[in-house]
Amino acid sequence: MARDFIEIHKKYKGKWIALTLDEKKVIASGESLEQILEESKKKGLVHPIVMRIPPAVVPYTRYAFPSR
């Protein structure tokens, strides 16, 4: 099932986060990848799902060139 990251983005924008393997809980957050991996390991999860939450959500539009 897809996870809704809207609330996570609001709370953790611009930070690194570590999630449990089922993606239901943020177990660590911080300014660096090393920091969250260390915190996750202390909590017993050696290989969490990690990601950096972007500071802003920006739309992406692909420009299609007209065919000649």
N, C-alpha and C. Protein backbone atom coordinates (compact mmCIF):
# COMPACT_ATOMS: atom_id res chain seq x y z
N MET A 1 0.84 -1.18 0.00
CA MET A 1 0.00 0.00 0.00
C MET A 1 0.89 1.25 0.00
N ALA A 2 0.54 2.21 -0.80
CA ALA A 2 1.32 3.43 -0.90
C ALA A 2 1.18 4.28 0.35
N ARG A 3 2.25 4.89 0.77
CA ARG A 3 2.26 5.72 1.97
C ARG A 3 2.03 7.18 1.58
N ASP A 4 1.20 7.86 2.32
CA ASP A 4 0.95 9.28 2.11
C ASP A 4 2.01 10.07 2.89
N PHE A 5 2.87 10.76 2.18
CA PHE A 5 3.99 11.46 2.80
C PHE A 5 3.71 12.94 3.06
N ILE A 6 2.48 13.39 2.94
CA ILE A 6 2.17 14.80 3.15
C ILE A 6 2.50 15.24 4.57
N GLU A 7 2.04 14.49 5.56
CA GLU A 7 2.31 14.85 6.96
C GLU A 7 3.80 14.73 7.28
N ILE A 8 4.45 13.72 6.73
CA ILE A 8 5.89 13.57 6.94
C ILE A 8 6.63 14.76 6.35
N HIS A 9 6.23 15.20 5.16
CA HIS A 9 6.88 16.36 4.54
C HIS A 9 6.70 17.61 5.40
N LYS A 10 5.51 17.81 5.92
CA LYS A 10 5.26 19.00 6.76
C LYS A 10 6.17 19.02 7.98
N LYS A 11 6.38 17.87 8.59
CA LYS A 11 7.14 17.80 9.84
C LYS A 11 8.66 17.73 9.62
N TYR A 12 9.10 17.08 8.55
CA TYR A 12 10.53 16.79 8.37
C TYR A 12 11.15 17.41 7.12
N LYS A 13 10.53 18.42 6.53
CA LYS A 13 11.07 18.95 5.27
C LYS A 13 12.51 19.44 5.43
N GLY A 14 13.33 19.04 4.46
CA GLY A 14 14.74 19.41 4.46
C GLY A 14 15.62 18.50 5.31
N LYS A 15 15.06 17.45 5.91
CA LYS A 15 15.82 16.56 6.79
C LYS A 15 15.90 15.16 6.21
N TRP A 16 16.82 14.38 6.76
CA TRP A 16 16.89 12.96 6.48
C TRP A 16 15.99 12.25 7.48
N ILE A 17 15.32 11.18 7.02
CA ILE A 17 14.51 10.37 7.93
C ILE A 17 14.82 8.89 7.72
N ALA A 18 14.60 8.12 8.77
CA ALA A 18 14.71 6.67 8.71
C ALA A 18 13.35 6.10 9.09
N LEU A 19 12.86 5.19 8.26
CA LEU A 19 11.55 4.57 8.48
C LEU A 19 11.72 3.10 8.82
N THR A 20 10.74 2.57 9.55
CA THR A 20 10.70 1.13 9.77
C THR A 20 10.46 0.46 8.42
N LEU A 21 10.73 -0.83 8.35
CA LEU A 21 10.63 -1.53 7.07
C LEU A 21 9.22 -1.56 6.50
N ASP A 22 8.21 -1.42 7.36
CA ASP A 22 6.83 -1.38 6.87
C ASP A 22 6.39 0.06 6.53
N GLU A 23 7.31 1.01 6.67
CA GLU A 23 7.10 2.44 6.36
C GLU A 23 6.01 3.09 7.22
N LYS A 24 5.70 2.52 8.37
CA LYS A 24 4.63 3.07 9.20
C LYS A 24 5.11 4.05 10.25
N LYS A 25 6.41 4.04 10.56
CA LYS A 25 6.89 4.88 11.65
C LYS A 25 8.26 5.47 11.31
N VAL A 26 8.41 6.76 11.59
CA VAL A 26 9.70 7.42 11.47
C VAL A 26 10.45 7.13 12.77
N ILE A 27 11.61 6.46 12.66
CA ILE A 27 12.34 6.11 13.89
C ILE A 27 13.51 7.04 14.15
N ALA A 28 13.90 7.83 13.14
CA ALA A 28 14.99 8.79 13.34
C ALA A 28 14.87 9.89 12.30
N SER A 29 15.31 11.08 12.68
CA SER A 29 15.37 12.19 11.74
C SER A 29 16.54 13.06 12.13
N GLY A 30 17.10 13.75 11.13
CA GLY A 30 18.23 14.61 11.43
C GLY A 30 18.76 15.30 10.20
N GLU A 31 19.83 16.04 10.41
CA GLU A 31 20.43 16.82 9.34
C GLU A 31 21.37 16.00 8.45
N SER A 32 21.83 14.84 8.94
CA SER A 32 22.76 14.05 8.13
C SER A 32 22.35 12.58 8.10
N LEU A 33 22.77 11.92 7.05
CA LEU A 33 22.50 10.50 6.89
C LEU A 33 23.19 9.70 8.00
N GLU A 34 24.43 10.06 8.31
CA GLU A 34 25.18 9.36 9.36
C GLU A 34 24.44 9.42 10.70
N GLN A 35 23.89 10.59 11.00
CA GLN A 35 23.18 10.79 12.27
C GLN A 35 21.97 9.86 12.39
N ILE A 36 21.17 9.76 11.34
CA ILE A 36 19.97 8.93 11.44
C ILE A 36 20.30 7.44 11.41
N LEU A 37 21.36 7.07 10.70
CA LEU A 37 21.76 5.66 10.70
C LEU A 37 22.25 5.23 12.08
N GLU A 38 23.00 6.11 12.74
CA GLU A 38 23.47 5.81 14.09
C GLU A 38 22.30 5.69 15.07
N GLU A 39 21.36 6.63 14.96
CA GLU A 39 20.19 6.60 15.85
C GLU A 39 19.33 5.35 15.59
N SER A 40 19.17 4.97 14.32
CA SER A 40 18.40 3.77 13.97
C SER A 40 19.04 2.52 14.54
N LYS A 41 20.37 2.45 14.43
CA LYS A 41 21.10 1.29 14.95
C LYS A 41 20.91 1.18 16.47
N LYS A 42 20.91 2.31 17.17
CA LYS A 42 20.69 2.30 18.62
C LYS A 42 19.30 1.79 18.98
N LYS A 43 18.35 2.01 18.06
CA LYS A 43 16.98 1.56 18.29
C LYS A 43 16.74 0.14 17.79
N GLY A 44 17.80 -0.51 17.26
CA GLY A 44 17.70 -1.90 16.87
C GLY A 44 17.42 -2.16 15.40
N LEU A 45 17.36 -1.15 14.60
CA LEU A 45 17.12 -1.34 13.17
C LEU A 45 18.38 -0.93 12.40
N VAL A 46 19.11 -1.94 11.91
CA VAL A 46 20.39 -1.70 11.27
C VAL A 46 20.23 -1.20 9.83
N HIS A 47 19.22 -1.67 9.14
CA HIS A 47 19.01 -1.30 7.73
C HIS A 47 17.62 -0.70 7.54
N PRO A 48 17.41 0.53 8.00
CA PRO A 48 16.09 1.16 7.83
C PRO A 48 15.92 1.66 6.39
N ILE A 49 14.72 2.05 6.07
CA ILE A 49 14.47 2.75 4.82
C ILE A 49 14.82 4.21 5.08
N VAL A 50 15.72 4.76 4.28
CA VAL A 50 16.15 6.14 4.50
C VAL A 50 15.81 7.00 3.29
N MET A 51 15.53 8.26 3.56
CA MET A 51 15.28 9.21 2.47
C MET A 51 15.48 10.62 2.98
N ARG A 52 15.77 11.49 2.06
CA ARG A 52 15.85 12.91 2.40
C ARG A 52 14.57 13.55 1.91
N ILE A 53 13.90 14.25 2.80
CA ILE A 53 12.66 14.92 2.45
C ILE A 53 13.01 16.27 1.84
N PRO A 54 12.53 16.56 0.64
CA PRO A 54 12.88 17.83 0.00
C PRO A 54 12.36 19.03 0.78
N PRO A 55 13.07 20.16 0.73
CA PRO A 55 12.62 21.33 1.46
C PRO A 55 11.32 21.93 0.91
N ALA A 56 11.05 21.68 -0.34
CA ALA A 56 9.82 22.19 -0.95
C ALA A 56 9.32 21.19 -1.99
N VAL A 57 8.04 21.19 -2.19
CA VAL A 57 7.45 20.35 -3.23
C VAL A 57 7.27 21.23 -4.47
N VAL A 58 7.94 20.83 -5.52
CA VAL A 58 7.85 21.61 -6.76
C VAL A 58 7.29 20.74 -7.87
N PRO A 59 6.40 21.28 -8.65
CA PRO A 59 5.84 20.48 -9.74
C PRO A 59 6.90 20.23 -10.82
N TYR A 60 6.78 19.10 -11.44
CA TYR A 60 7.68 18.72 -12.52
C TYR A 60 6.86 18.63 -13.79
N THR A 61 7.30 19.34 -14.80
CA THR A 61 6.63 19.29 -16.08
C THR A 61 7.64 18.94 -17.14
N ARG A 62 7.33 17.96 -17.91
CA ARG A 62 8.22 17.57 -18.99
C ARG A 62 7.80 18.32 -20.24
N TYR A 63 8.76 18.95 -20.85
CA TYR A 63 8.49 19.69 -22.09
C TYR A 63 8.58 18.73 -23.25
N ALA A 64 7.54 18.69 -24.05
CA ALA A 64 7.53 17.83 -25.24
C ALA A 64 7.82 18.70 -26.46
N PHE A 65 8.85 18.31 -27.18
CA PHE A 65 9.18 19.04 -28.39
C PHE A 65 8.19 18.66 -29.49
N PRO A 66 7.74 19.65 -30.24
CA PRO A 66 6.81 19.33 -31.34
C PRO A 66 7.54 18.53 -32.43
N SER A 67 6.84 17.59 -32.99
CA SER A 67 7.45 16.79 -34.06
C SER A 67 7.50 17.61 -35.34
N ARG A 68 8.50 17.35 -36.13
CA ARG A 68 8.68 18.14 -37.36
C ARG A 68 8.22 17.40 -38.57
